[in-house]
PDB file of N, CA and C in Angstrom:
ATOM      1  N   MET A   1     108.357 125.013 113.921  1.00  0.00           N
ATOM      2  CA  MET A   1     109.578 125.514 113.364  1.00  0.00           C
ATOM      3  C   MET A   1     110.538 124.435 112.906  1.00  0.00           C
ATOM      4  N   PRO A   2     110.108 123.221 112.685  1.00  0.00           N
ATOM      5  CA  PRO A   2     111.063 122.196 112.247  1.00  0.00           C
ATOM      6  C   PRO A   2     111.674 122.521 110.891  1.00  0.00           C
ATOM      7  N   LEU A   3     112.902 122.074 110.718  1.00  0.00           N
ATOM      8  CA  LEU A   3     113.560 122.074 109.420  1.00  0.00           C
ATOM      9  C   LEU A   3     113.683 120.616 109.017  1.00  0.00           C
ATOM     10  N   VAL A   4     113.072 120.282 107.891  1.00  0.00           N
ATOM     11  CA  VAL A   4     113.015 118.895 107.429  1.00  0.00           C
ATOM     12  C   VAL A   4     113.954 118.716 106.249  1.00  0.00           C
ATOM     13  N   ARG A   5     114.795 117.699 106.330  1.00  0.00           N
ATOM     14  CA  ARG A   5     115.653 117.314 105.216  1.00  0.00           C
ATOM     15  C   ARG A   5     115.275 115.898 104.803  1.00  0.00           C
ATOM     16  N   ILE A   6     114.948 115.746 103.540  1.00  0.00           N
ATOM     17  CA  ILE A   6     114.586 114.431 103.013  1.00  0.00           C
ATOM     18  C   ILE A   6     115.582 114.091 101.905  1.00  0.00           C
ATOM     19  N   SER A   7     116.328 113.024 102.117  1.00  0.00           N
ATOM     20  CA  SER A   7     117.285 112.535 101.121  1.00  0.00           C
ATOM     21  C   SER A   7     116.680 111.306 100.460  1.00  0.00           C
ATOM     22  N   HIS A   8     116.672 111.310  99.136  1.00  0.00           N
ATOM     23  CA  HIS A   8     116.027 110.212  98.402  1.00  0.00           C
ATOM     24  C   HIS A   8     116.805 109.883  97.135  1.00  0.00           C
ATOM     25  N   PRO A   9     116.572 108.696  96.577  1.00  0.00           N
ATOM     26  CA  PRO A   9     117.249 108.327  95.331  1.00  0.00           C
ATOM     27  C   PRO A   9     116.838 109.252  94.182  1.00  0.00           C
ATOM     28  N   ALA A  10     117.730 109.439  93.245  1.00  0.00           N
ATOM     29  CA  ALA A  10     117.440 110.254  92.062  1.00  0.00           C
ATOM     30  C   ALA A  10     116.378 109.583  91.199  1.00  0.00           C
ATOM     31  N   GLY A  11     115.721 110.388  90.386  1.00  0.00           N
ATOM     32  CA  GLY A  11     114.778 109.872  89.412  1.00  0.00           C
ATOM     33  C   GLY A  11     113.321 109.906  89.837  1.00  0.00           C
ATOM     34  N   MET A  12     113.037 110.433  91.018  1.00  0.00           N
ATOM     35  CA  MET A  12     111.640 110.506  91.455  1.00  0.00           C
ATOM     36  C   MET A  12     110.937 111.659  90.731  1.00  0.00           C
ATOM     37  N   THR A  13     109.666 111.469  90.457  1.00  0.00           N
ATOM     38  CA  THR A  13     108.890 112.532  89.826  1.00  0.00           C
ATOM     39  C   THR A  13     108.646 113.659  90.829  1.00  0.00           C
ATOM     40  N   GLU A  14     108.255 114.813  90.308  1.00  0.00           N
ATOM     41  CA  GLU A  14     107.940 115.932  91.203  1.00  0.00           C
ATOM     42  C   GLU A  14     106.742 115.592  92.087  1.00  0.00           C
ATOM     43  N   ALA A  15     105.795 114.824  91.579  1.00  0.00           N
ATOM     44  CA  ALA A  15     104.644 114.395  92.388  1.00  0.00           C
ATOM     45  C   ALA A  15     105.099 113.497  93.538  1.00  0.00           C
ATOM     46  N   HIS A  16     106.055 112.637  93.279  1.00  0.00           N
ATOM     47  CA  HIS A  16     106.603 111.757  94.318  1.00  0.00           C
ATOM     48  C   HIS A  16     107.296 112.589  95.391  1.00  0.00           C
ATOM     49  N   ARG A  17     108.097 113.562  94.970  1.00  0.00           N
ATOM     50  CA  ARG A  17     108.794 114.437  95.918  1.00  0.00           C
ATOM     51  C   ARG A  17     107.791 115.251  96.737  1.00  0.00           C
ATOM     52  N   GLN A  18     106.751 115.745  96.095  1.00  0.00           N
ATOM     53  CA  GLN A  18     105.728 116.514  96.816  1.00  0.00           C
ATOM     54  C   GLN A  18     105.012 115.633  97.833  1.00  0.00           C
ATOM     55  N   ALA A  19     104.759 114.376  97.476  1.00  0.00           N
ATOM     56  CA  ALA A  19     104.113 113.446  98.402  1.00  0.00           C
ATOM     57  C   ALA A  19     104.996 113.177  99.614  1.00  0.00           C
ATOM     58  N   LEU A  20     106.312 113.103  99.414  1.00  0.00           N
ATOM     59  CA  LEU A  20     107.224 112.949 100.552  1.00  0.00           C
ATOM     60  C   LEU A  20     107.082 114.131 101.505  1.00  0.00           C
ATOM     61  N   SER A  21     107.147 115.328 100.966  1.00  0.00           N
ATOM     62  CA  SER A  21     107.040 116.536 101.782  1.00  0.00           C
ATOM     63  C   SER A  21     105.678 116.616 102.466  1.00  0.00           C
ATOM     64  N   ASP A  22     104.614 116.387 101.708  1.00  0.00           N
ATOM     65  CA  ASP A  22     103.261 116.469 102.274  1.00  0.00           C
ATOM     66  C   ASP A  22     103.043 115.442 103.373  1.00  0.00           C
ATOM     67  N   GLY A  23     103.542 114.229 103.175  1.00  0.00           N
ATOM     68  CA  GLY A  23     103.355 113.178 104.164  1.00  0.00           C
ATOM     69  C   GLY A  23     104.047 113.473 105.475  1.00  0.00           C
ATOM     70  N   VAL A  24     105.266 114.008 105.390  1.00  0.00           N
ATOM     71  CA  VAL A  24     106.002 114.366 106.600  1.00  0.00           C
ATOM     72  C   VAL A  24     105.330 115.554 107.278  1.00  0.00           C
ATOM     73  N   GLN A  25     104.928 116.554 106.505  1.00  0.00           N
ATOM     74  CA  GLN A  25     104.292 117.740 107.087  1.00  0.00           C
ATOM     75  C   GLN A  25     102.995 117.383 107.802  1.00  0.00           C
ATOM     76  N   GLU A  26     102.164 116.571 107.166  1.00  0.00           N
ATOM     77  CA  GLU A  26     100.895 116.184 107.803  1.00  0.00           C
ATOM     78  C   GLU A  26     101.160 115.442 109.103  1.00  0.00           C
ATOM     79  N   ALA A  27     102.148 114.588 109.099  1.00  0.00           N
ATOM     80  CA  ALA A  27     102.470 113.825 110.307  1.00  0.00           C
ATOM     81  C   ALA A  27     102.915 114.753 111.432  1.00  0.00           C
ATOM     82  N   MET A  28     103.727 115.750 111.122  1.00  0.00           N
ATOM     83  CA  MET A  28     104.179 116.683 112.159  1.00  0.00           C
ATOM     84  C   MET A  28     103.007 117.506 112.703  1.00  0.00           C
ATOM     85  N   GLU A  29     102.117 117.916 111.819  1.00  0.00           N
ATOM     86  CA  GLU A  29     100.954 118.692 112.254  1.00  0.00           C
ATOM     87  C   GLU A  29     100.041 117.870 113.162  1.00  0.00           C
ATOM     88  N   SER A  30      99.848 116.606 112.823  1.00  0.00           N
ATOM     89  CA  SER A  30      98.870 115.795 113.557  1.00  0.00           C
ATOM     90  C   SER A  30      99.427 115.138 114.818  1.00  0.00           C
ATOM     91  N   THR A  31     100.758 115.095 114.971  1.00  0.00           N
ATOM     92  CA  THR A  31     101.307 114.372 116.127  1.00  0.00           C
ATOM     93  C   THR A  31     102.165 115.211 117.065  1.00  0.00           C
ATOM     94  N   ILE A  32     102.853 116.224 116.549  1.00  0.00           N
ATOM     95  CA  ILE A  32     103.753 116.988 117.421  1.00  0.00           C
ATOM     96  C   ILE A  32     103.432 118.485 117.425  1.00  0.00           C
ATOM     97  N   GLN A  33     102.221 118.835 117.015  1.00  0.00           N
ATOM     98  CA  GLN A  33     101.699 120.197 117.145  1.00  0.00           C
ATOM     99  C   GLN A  33     102.458 121.239 116.333  1.00  0.00           C
ATOM    100  N   VAL A  34     102.849 120.891 115.129  1.00  0.00           N
ATOM    101  CA  VAL A  34     103.467 121.855 114.223  1.00  0.00           C
ATOM    102  C   VAL A  34     102.342 122.565 113.465  1.00  0.00           C
ATOM    103  N   PRO A  35     102.345 123.910 113.434  1.00  0.00           N
ATOM    104  CA  PRO A  35     101.292 124.639 112.716  1.00  0.00           C
ATOM    105  C   PRO A  35     101.359 124.388 111.207  1.00  0.00           C
ATOM    106  N   PRO A  36     100.231 124.445 110.522  1.00  0.00           N
ATOM    107  CA  PRO A  36     100.192 124.170 109.073  1.00  0.00           C
ATOM    108  C   PRO A  36     101.089 125.075 108.234  1.00  0.00           C
ATOM    109  N   ASN A  37     101.247 126.336 108.612  1.00  0.00           N
ATOM    110  CA  ASN A  37     102.038 127.252 107.773  1.00  0.00           C
ATOM    111  C   ASN A  37     103.526 127.222 108.128  1.00  0.00           C
ATOM    112  N   ASP A  38     103.938 126.305 108.976  1.00  0.00           N
ATOM    113  CA  ASP A  38     105.334 126.191 109.403  1.00  0.00           C
ATOM    114  C   ASP A  38     105.992 125.072 108.604  1.00  0.00           C
ATOM    115  N   ARG A  39     106.305 125.366 107.332  1.00  0.00           N
ATOM    116  CA  ARG A  39     106.878 124.350 106.448  1.00  0.00           C
ATOM    117  C   ARG A  39     108.181 124.849 105.860  1.00  0.00           C
ATOM    118  N   PHE A  40     109.263 124.175 106.243  1.00  0.00           N
ATOM    119  CA  PHE A  40     110.591 124.439 105.706  1.00  0.00           C
ATOM    120  C   PHE A  40     111.226 123.083 105.422  1.00  0.00           C
ATOM    121  N   HIS A  41     111.174 122.664 104.153  1.00  0.00           N
ATOM    122  CA  HIS A  41     111.653 121.343 103.755  1.00  0.00           C
ATOM    123  C   HIS A  41     112.734 121.476 102.696  1.00  0.00           C
ATOM    124  N   ILE A  42     113.759 120.666 102.824  1.00  0.00           N
ATOM    125  CA  ILE A  42     114.824 120.588 101.826  1.00  0.00           C
ATOM    126  C   ILE A  42     114.854 119.150 101.327  1.00  0.00           C
ATOM    127  N   LEU A  43     114.515 118.950 100.064  1.00  0.00           N
ATOM    128  CA  LEU A  43     114.547 117.618  99.469  1.00  0.00           C
ATOM    129  C   LEU A  43     115.766 117.526  98.568  1.00  0.00           C
ATOM    130  N   THR A  44     116.547 116.482  98.765  1.00  0.00           N
ATOM    131  CA  THR A  44     117.774 116.304  98.008  1.00  0.00           C
ATOM    132  C   THR A  44     117.779 114.921  97.383  1.00  0.00           C
ATOM    133  N   GLU A  45     117.969 114.895  96.061  1.00  0.00           N
ATOM    134  CA  GLU A  45     118.059 113.597  95.402  1.00  0.00           C
ATOM    135  C   GLU A  45     119.520 113.215  95.220  1.00  0.00           C
ATOM    136  N   HIS A  46     119.751 111.926  95.262  1.00  0.00           N
ATOM    137  CA  HIS A  46     121.109 111.403  95.202  1.00  0.00           C
ATOM    138  C   HIS A  46     121.206 110.311  94.141  1.00  0.00           C
ATOM    139  N   ALA A  47     121.986 110.569  93.088  1.00  0.00           N
ATOM    140  CA  ALA A  47     122.245 109.530  92.091  1.00  0.00           C
ATOM    141  C   ALA A  47     123.168 108.481  92.701  1.00  0.00           C
ATOM    142  N   SER A  48     124.030 108.934  93.600  1.00  0.00           N
ATOM    143  CA  SER A  48     124.870 108.047  94.386  1.00  0.00           C
ATOM    144  C   SER A  48     125.060 108.749  95.724  1.00  0.00           C
ATOM    145  N   GLY A  49     125.632 108.104  96.657  1.00  0.00           N
ATOM    146  CA  GLY A  49     125.885 108.753  97.933  1.00  0.00           C
ATOM    147  C   GLY A  49     124.921 108.371  99.034  1.00  0.00           C
ATOM    148  N   LEU A  50     123.886 107.622  98.728  1.00  0.00           N
ATOM    149  CA  LEU A  50     123.030 107.075  99.772  1.00  0.00           C
ATOM    150  C   LEU A  50     123.601 105.702 100.127  1.00  0.00           C
ATOM    151  N   ILE A  51     124.362 105.668 101.170  1.00  0.00           N
ATOM    152  CA  ILE A  51     125.015 104.431 101.584  1.00  0.00           C
ATOM    153  C   ILE A  51     124.344 103.975 102.866  1.00  0.00           C
ATOM    154  N   PHE A  52     123.824 102.760 102.864  1.00  0.00           N
ATOM    155  CA  PHE A  52     123.098 102.247 104.025  1.00  0.00           C
ATOM    156  C   PHE A  52     123.219 100.742 104.085  1.00  0.00           C
ATOM    157  N   ASP A  53     123.067 100.209 105.269  1.00  0.00           N
ATOM    158  CA  ASP A  53     123.080  98.762 105.463  1.00  0.00           C
ATOM    159  C   ASP A  53     121.674  98.248 105.166  1.00  0.00           C
ATOM    160  N   ALA A  54     121.558  97.436 104.153  1.00  0.00           N
ATOM    161  CA  ALA A  54     120.254  96.936 103.724  1.00  0.00           C
ATOM    162  C   ALA A  54     119.626  95.948 104.697  1.00  0.00           C
ATOM    163  N   HIS A  55     120.356  95.552 105.755  1.00  0.00           N
ATOM    164  CA  HIS A  55     119.843  94.540 106.675  1.00  0.00           C
ATOM    165  C   HIS A  55     119.970  94.933 108.147  1.00  0.00           C
ATOM    166  N   TYR A  56     120.401  96.145 108.445  1.00  0.00           N
ATOM    167  CA  TYR A  56     120.657  96.571 109.826  1.00  0.00           C
ATOM    168  C   TYR A  56     119.423  96.376 110.702  1.00  0.00           C
ATOM    169  N   LEU A  57     119.627  95.817 111.883  1.00  0.00           N
ATOM    170  CA  LEU A  57     118.579  95.507 112.871  1.00  0.00           C
ATOM    171  C   LEU A  57     117.501  94.572 112.324  1.00  0.00           C
ATOM    172  N   GLY A  58     117.859  93.792 111.308  1.00  0.00           N
ATOM    173  CA  GLY A  58     116.913  92.834 110.751  1.00  0.00           C
ATOM    174  C   GLY A  58     115.830  93.457 109.887  1.00  0.00           C
ATOM    175  N   ILE A  59     116.015  94.698 109.484  1.00  0.00           N
ATOM    176  CA  ILE A  59     115.057  95.389 108.610  1.00  0.00           C
ATOM    177  C   ILE A  59     115.609  95.320 107.195  1.00  0.00           C
ATOM    178  N   GLU A  60     114.822  94.770 106.274  1.00  0.00           N
ATOM    179  CA  GLU A  60     115.264  94.587 104.892  1.00  0.00           C
ATOM    180  C   GLU A  60     114.903  95.825 104.058  1.00  0.00           C
ATOM    181  N   ARG A  61     115.920  96.624 103.731  1.00  0.00           N
ATOM    182  CA  ARG A  61     115.733  97.858 102.981  1.00  0.00           C
ATOM    183  C   ARG A  61     116.007  97.629 101.498  1.00  0.00           C
ATOM    184  N   SER A  62     115.339  98.432 100.674  1.00  0.00           N
ATOM    185  CA  SER A  62     115.537  98.346  99.226  1.00  0.00           C
ATOM    186  C   SER A  62     116.272  99.595  98.738  1.00  0.00           C
ATOM    187  N   LEU A  63     116.506  99.671  97.449  1.00  0.00           N
ATOM    188  CA  LEU A  63     117.169 100.835  96.861  1.00  0.00           C
ATOM    189  C   LEU A  63     116.278 102.074  96.877  1.00  0.00           C
ATOM    190  N   ALA A  64     115.025 101.940  97.290  1.00  0.00           N
ATOM    191  CA  ALA A  64     114.112 103.081  97.420  1.00  0.00           C
ATOM    192  C   ALA A  64     114.244 103.770  98.779  1.00  0.00           C
ATOM    193  N   TRP A  65     115.236 103.371  99.579  1.00  0.00           N
ATOM    194  CA  TRP A  65     115.452 103.896 100.930  1.00  0.00           C
ATOM    195  C   TRP A  65     115.497 105.420 100.946  1.00  0.00           C
ATOM    196  N   VAL A  66     114.796 106.000 101.944  1.00  0.00           N
ATOM    197  CA  VAL A  66     114.703 107.450 102.117  1.00  0.00           C
ATOM    198  C   VAL A  66     115.077 107.782 103.555  1.00  0.00           C
ATOM    199  N   ALA A  67     115.850 108.856 103.734  1.00  0.00           N
ATOM    200  CA  ALA A  67     116.205 109.332 105.067  1.00  0.00           C
ATOM    201  C   ALA A  67     115.501 110.662 105.321  1.00  0.00           C
ATOM    202  N   VAL A  68     114.807 110.752 106.460  1.00  0.00           N
ATOM    203  CA  VAL A  68     114.101 111.964 106.867  1.00  0.00           C
ATOM    204  C   VAL A  68     114.762 112.458 108.148  1.00  0.00           C
ATOM    205  N   GLN A  69     115.332 113.648 108.095  1.00  0.00           N
ATOM    206  CA  GLN A  69     115.949 114.244 109.278  1.00  0.00           C
ATOM    207  C   GLN A  69     115.158 115.495 109.626  1.00  0.00           C
ATOM    208  N   ILE A  70     114.690 115.560 110.864  1.00  0.00           N
ATOM    209  CA  ILE A  70     113.875 116.684 111.320  1.00  0.00           C
ATOM    210  C   ILE A  70     114.604 117.370 112.467  1.00  0.00           C
ATOM    211  N   THR A  71     114.971 118.621 112.251  1.00  0.00           N
ATOM    212  CA  THR A  71     115.570 119.432 113.311  1.00  0.00           C
ATOM    213  C   THR A  71     114.432 120.242 113.924  1.00  0.00           C
ATOM    214  N   LEU A  72     114.280 120.159 115.245  1.00  0.00           N
ATOM    215  CA  LEU A  72     113.162 120.809 115.906  1.00  0.00           C
ATOM    216  C   LEU A  72     113.514 121.161 117.341  1.00  0.00           C
ATOM    217  N   ARG A  73     112.707 122.036 117.901  1.00  0.00           N
ATOM    218  CA  ARG A  73     112.888 122.435 119.288  1.00  0.00           C
ATOM    219  C   ARG A  73     112.639 121.254 120.197  1.00  0.00           C
ATOM    220  N   LYS A  74     113.474 121.108 121.218  1.00  0.00           N
ATOM    221  CA  LYS A  74     113.292 119.992 122.141  1.00  0.00           C
ATOM    222  C   LYS A  74     112.040 120.202 122.981  1.00  0.00           C
ATOM    223  N   GLY A  75     111.531 119.092 123.525  1.00  0.00           N
ATOM    224  CA  GLY A  75     110.371 119.186 124.399  1.00  0.00           C
ATOM    225  C   GLY A  75     109.255 118.209 124.091  1.00  0.00           C
ATOM    226  N   ARG A  76     109.350 117.461 122.991  1.00  0.00           N
ATOM    227  CA  ARG A  76     108.309 116.473 122.692  1.00  0.00           C
ATOM    228  C   ARG A  76     108.549 115.219 123.527  1.00  0.00           C
ATOM    229  N   THR A  77     107.476 114.574 123.914  1.00  0.00           N
ATOM    230  CA  THR A  77     107.576 113.345 124.699  1.00  0.00           C
ATOM    231  C   THR A  77     107.971 112.179 123.801  1.00  0.00           C
ATOM    232  N   VAL A  78     108.415 111.099 124.424  1.00  0.00           N
ATOM    233  CA  VAL A  78     108.732 109.882 123.684  1.00  0.00           C
ATOM    234  C   VAL A  78     107.491 109.395 122.938  1.00  0.00           C
ATOM    235  N   GLU A  79     106.344 109.474 123.583  1.00  0.00           N
ATOM    236  CA  GLU A  79     105.092 109.023 122.955  1.00  0.00           C
ATOM    237  C   GLU A  79     104.775 109.853 121.715  1.00  0.00           C
ATOM    238  N   MET A  80     104.976 111.159 121.786  1.00  0.00           N
ATOM    239  CA  MET A  80     104.738 112.020 120.619  1.00  0.00           C
ATOM    240  C   MET A  80     105.688 111.656 119.479  1.00  0.00           C
ATOM    241  N   LYS A  81     106.939 111.404 119.814  1.00  0.00           N
ATOM    242  CA  LYS A  81     107.924 111.038 118.792  1.00  0.00           C
ATOM    243  C   LYS A  81     107.563 109.710 118.138  1.00  0.00           C
ATOM    244  N   GLN A  82     107.162 108.742 118.937  1.00  0.00           N
ATOM    245  CA  GLN A  82     106.778 107.443 118.374  1.00  0.00           C
ATOM    246  C   GLN A  82     105.551 107.568 117.483  1.00  0.00           C
ATOM    247  N   ALA A  83     104.597 108.420 117.888  1.00  0.00           N
ATOM    248  CA  ALA A  83     103.417 108.665 117.045  1.00  0.00           C
ATOM    249  C   ALA A  83     103.828 109.327 115.737  1.00  0.00           C
ATOM    250  N   LEU A  84     104.795 110.248 115.805  1.00  0.00           N
ATOM    251  CA  LEU A  84     105.294 110.904 114.597  1.00  0.00           C
ATOM    252  C   LEU A  84     105.912 109.884 113.652  1.00  0.00           C
ATOM    253  N   TYR A  85     106.762 109.016 114.176  1.00  0.00           N
ATOM    254  CA  TYR A  85     107.401 107.999 113.325  1.00  0.00           C
ATOM    255  C   TYR A  85     106.353 107.135 112.628  1.00  0.00           C
ATOM    256  N   ARG A  86     105.372 106.671 113.411  1.00  0.00           N
ATOM    257  CA  ARG A  86     104.318 105.810 112.830  1.00  0.00           C
ATOM    258  C   ARG A  86     103.540 106.548 111.745  1.00  0.00           C
ATOM    259  N   ARG A  87     103.182 107.808 112.015  1.00  0.00           N
ATOM    260  CA  ARG A  87     102.357 108.559 111.072  1.00  0.00           C
ATOM    261  C   ARG A  87     103.130 108.866 109.786  1.00  0.00           C
ATOM    262  N   ILE A  88     104.407 109.205 109.904  1.00  0.00           N
ATOM    263  CA  ILE A  88     105.198 109.443 108.693  1.00  0.00           C
ATOM    264  C   ILE A  88     105.222 108.193 107.826  1.00  0.00           C
ATOM    265  N   VAL A  89     105.497 107.047 108.436  1.00  0.00           N
ATOM    266  CA  VAL A  89     105.571 105.796 107.674  1.00  0.00           C
ATOM    267  C   VAL A  89     104.214 105.460 107.053  1.00  0.00           C
ATOM    268  N   GLU A  90     103.140 105.648 107.796  1.00  0.00           N
ATOM    269  CA  GLU A  90     101.794 105.398 107.250  1.00  0.00           C
ATOM    270  C   GLU A  90     101.521 106.314 106.062  1.00  0.00           C
ATOM    271  N   ASN A  91     101.812 107.596 106.225  1.00  0.00           N
ATOM    272  CA  ASN A  91     101.555 108.553 105.140  1.00  0.00           C
ATOM    273  C   ASN A  91     102.369 108.231 103.895  1.00  0.00           C
ATOM    274  N   LEU A  92     103.652 107.913 104.081  1.00  0.00           N
ATOM    275  CA  LEU A  92     104.501 107.656 102.916  1.00  0.00           C
ATOM    276  C   LEU A  92     104.212 106.298 102.280  1.00  0.00           C
ATOM    277  N   ALA A  93     103.625 105.384 103.035  1.00  0.00           N
ATOM    278  CA  ALA A  93     103.188 104.116 102.446  1.00  0.00           C
ATOM    279  C   ALA A  93     101.968 104.361 101.552  1.00  0.00           C
ATOM    280  N   THR A  94     101.088 105.245 102.001  1.00  0.00           N
ATOM    281  CA  THR A  94      99.895 105.575 101.215  1.00  0.00           C
ATOM    282  C   THR A  94     100.261 106.346  99.957  1.00  0.00           C
ATOM    283  N   ASP A  95     101.064 107.365 100.101  1.00  0.00           N
ATOM    284  CA  ASP A  95     101.484 108.205  98.976  1.00  0.00           C
ATOM    285  C   ASP A  95     102.824 108.802  99.334  1.00  0.00           C
ATOM    286  N   PRO A  96     103.857 108.435  98.652  1.00  0.00           N
ATOM    287  CA  PRO A  96     103.976 107.920  97.295  1.00  0.00           C
ATOM    288  C   PRO A  96     104.099 106.408  97.164  1.00  0.00           C
ATOM    289  N   GLY A  97     103.864 105.641  98.222  1.00  0.00           N
ATOM    290  CA  GLY A  97     103.906 104.182  98.118  1.00  0.00           C
ATOM    291  C   GLY A  97     105.205 103.554  98.601  1.00  0.00           C
ATOM    292  N   LEU A  98     105.878 104.199  99.547  1.00  0.00           N
ATOM    293  CA  LEU A  98     107.116 103.623 100.079  1.00  0.00           C
ATOM    294  C   LEU A  98     106.825 102.477 101.033  1.00  0.00           C
ATOM    295  N   ARG A  99     107.698 101.518 101.045  1.00  0.00           N
ATOM    296  CA  ARG A  99     107.628 100.441 102.031  1.00  0.00           C
ATOM    297  C   ARG A  99     108.064 101.017 103.381  1.00  0.00           C
ATOM    298  N   PRO A 100     107.400 100.653 104.469  1.00  0.00           N
ATOM    299  CA  PRO A 100     107.810 101.138 105.796  1.00  0.00           C
ATOM    300  C   PRO A 100     109.272 100.839 106.116  1.00  0.00           C
ATOM    301  N   GLU A 101     109.785  99.740 105.597  1.00  0.00           N
ATOM    302  CA  GLU A 101     111.178  99.362 105.836  1.00  0.00           C
ATOM    303  C   GLU A 101     112.157 100.337 105.186  1.00  0.00           C
ATOM    304  N   ASP A 102     111.689 101.117 104.225  1.00  0.00           N
ATOM    305  CA  ASP A 102     112.559 102.009 103.465  1.00  0.00           C
ATOM    306  C   ASP A 102     112.541 103.454 103.962  1.00  0.00           C
ATOM    307  N   VAL A 103     111.981 103.685 105.148  1.00  0.00           N
ATOM    308  CA  VAL A 103     111.908 105.039 105.689  1.00  0.00           C
ATOM    309  C   VAL A 103     112.676 105.101 107.009  1.00  0.00           C
ATOM    310  N   MET A 104     113.767 105.849 107.019  1.00  0.00           N
ATOM    311  CA  MET A 104     114.534 106.101 108.236  1.00  0.00           C
ATOM    312  C   MET A 104     114.243 107.521 108.688  1.00  0.00           C
ATOM    313  N   ILE A 105     114.010 107.717 109.981  1.00  0.00           N
ATOM    314  CA  ILE A 105     113.687 109.033 110.530  1.00  0.00           C
ATOM    315  C   ILE A 105     114.637 109.328 111.674  1.00  0.00           C
ATOM    316  N   CYS A 106     115.189 110.523 111.684  1.00  0.00           N
ATOM    317  CA  CYS A 106     116.087 110.955 112.754  1.00  0.00           C
ATOM    318  C   CYS A 106     115.665 112.347 113.211  1.00  0.00           C
ATOM    319  N   LEU A 107     115.452 112.504 114.508  1.00  0.00           N
ATOM    320  CA  LEU A 107     115.140 113.818 115.070  1.00  0.00           C
ATOM    321  C   LEU A 107     116.405 114.424 115.664  1.00  0.00           C
ATOM    322  N   VAL A 108     116.596 115.718 115.430  1.00  0.00           N
ATOM    323  CA  VAL A 108     117.711 116.479 115.997  1.00  0.00           C
ATOM    324  C   VAL A 108     117.085 117.635 116.764  1.00  0.00           C
ATOM    325  N   GLU A 109     117.256 117.644 118.081  1.00  0.00           N
ATOM    326  CA  GLU A 109     116.602 118.654 118.910  1.00  0.00           C
ATOM    327  C   GLU A 109     117.557 119.787 119.282  1.00  0.00           C
ATOM    328  N   ASN A 110     116.995 120.989 119.423  1.00  0.00           N
ATOM    329  CA  ASN A 110     117.766 122.141 119.852  1.00  0.00           C
ATOM    330  C   ASN A 110     116.873 123.097 120.645  1.00  0.00           C
ATOM    331  N   ASP A 111     117.374 124.300 120.939  1.00  0.00           N
ATOM    332  CA  ASP A 111     116.649 125.283 121.743  1.00  0.00           C
ATOM    333  C   ASP A 111     116.176 126.464 120.908  1.00  0.00           C
ATOM    334  N   LEU A 112     115.367 127.326 121.512  1.00  0.00           N
ATOM    335  CA  LEU A 112     114.815 128.481 120.819  1.00  0.00           C
ATOM    336  C   LEU A 112     115.896 129.415 120.272  1.00  0.00           C
ATOM    337  N   ALA A 113     116.989 129.571 120.990  1.00  0.00           N
ATOM    338  CA  ALA A 113     118.056 130.471 120.550  1.00  0.00           C
ATOM    339  C   ALA A 113     118.800 129.948 119.324  1.00  0.00           C
ATOM    340  N   ASP A 114     118.540 128.726 118.923  1.00  0.00           N
ATOM    341  CA  ASP A 114     119.237 128.120 117.795  1.00  0.00           C
ATOM    342  C   ASP A 114     118.576 128.395 116.450  1.00  0.00           C
ATOM    343  N   TRP A 115     117.549 129.250 116.421  1.00  0.00           N
ATOM    344  CA  TRP A 115     116.802 129.484 115.189  1.00  0.00           C
ATOM    345  C   TRP A 115     116.849 130.951 114.774  1.00  0.00           C
ATOM    346  N   SER A 116     117.205 131.196 113.517  1.00  0.00           N
ATOM    347  CA  SER A 116     117.060 132.497 112.876  1.00  0.00           C
ATOM    348  C   SER A 116     116.376 132.246 111.542  1.00  0.00           C
ATOM    349  N   PHE A 117     115.245 132.888 111.323  1.00  0.00           N
ATOM    350  CA  PHE A 117     114.471 132.664 110.102  1.00  0.00           C
ATOM    351  C   PHE A 117     114.741 133.723 109.048  1.00  0.00           C
ATOM    352  N   GLY A 118     115.609 134.656 109.349  1.00  0.00           N
ATOM    353  CA  GLY A 118     115.962 135.721 108.419  1.00  0.00           C
ATOM    354  C   GLY A 118     116.359 136.974 109.182  1.00  0.00           C
ATOM    355  N   LYS A 119     116.944 137.915 108.471  1.00  0.00           N
ATOM    356  CA  LYS A 119     117.378 139.197 109.016  1.00  0.00           C
ATOM    357  C   LYS A 119     118.457 139.071 110.086  1.00  0.00           C
ATOM    358  N   GLY A 120     119.033 137.889 110.268  1.00  0.00           N
ATOM    359  CA  GLY A 120     120.049 137.705 111.285  1.00  0.00           C
ATOM    360  C   GLY A 120     119.505 137.836 112.694  1.00  0.00           C
ATOM    361  N   GLU A 121     118.209 137.587 112.868  1.00  0.00           N
ATOM    362  CA  GLU A 121     117.581 137.728 114.178  1.00  0.00           C
ATOM    363  C   GLU A 121     117.082 136.380 114.684  1.00  0.00           C
ATOM    364  N   ALA A 122     117.041 136.227 115.984  1.00  0.00           N
ATOM    365  CA  ALA A 122     116.481 135.041 116.633  1.00  0.00           C
ATOM    366  C   ALA A 122     115.153 135.459 117.252  1.00  0.00           C
ATOM    367  N   PRO A 123     114.053 135.341 116.517  1.00  0.00           N
ATOM    368  CA  PRO A 123     112.771 135.904 116.957  1.00  0.00           C
ATOM    369  C   PRO A 123     112.199 135.275 118.222  1.00  0.00           C
ATOM    370  N   TYR A 124     112.592 134.068 118.550  1.00  0.00           N
ATOM    371  CA  TYR A 124     112.017 133.398 119.720  1.00  0.00           C
ATOM    372  C   TYR A 124     112.696 133.761 121.028  1.00  0.00           C
ATOM    373  N   VAL A 125     113.782 134.571 120.969  1.00  0.00           N
ATOM    374  CA  VAL A 125     114.496 134.922 122.197  1.00  0.00           C
ATOM    375  C   VAL A 125     114.617 136.432 122.386  1.00  0.00           C
ATOM    376  N   ARG A 126     113.756 137.177 121.757  1.00  0.00           N
ATOM    377  CA  ARG A 126     113.794 138.634 121.911  1.00  0.00           C
ATOM    378  C   ARG A 126     113.379 139.029 123.299  1.00  0.00           C
TER     379      ARG A 126
END
């Protein structure tokens, strides 16, 4: 049930945007047990407004910097999260060709009662 938000620079092709979504989805499926049909992604391009420190923590970022925010139910182990981070970076390096330094990932955890997928209902707490 994760909700994925990917913020990226403007001007990417639709194939590039699809590769971002596919790479994150595959990583979630293979590392944190997200089912294949559980895909809710919001991709937002920014002509301006992506403000970041190009050198924070000694990581050299370029103008191709992408932020991936995943809101998901709490309960994954630290090891699962670290595997997710590695797999996302590996996938996005392969396709669409992002540098690992240009991928920031942030997880936001919540509970079952925090989700409504439609109809104003919380299906996981019935």
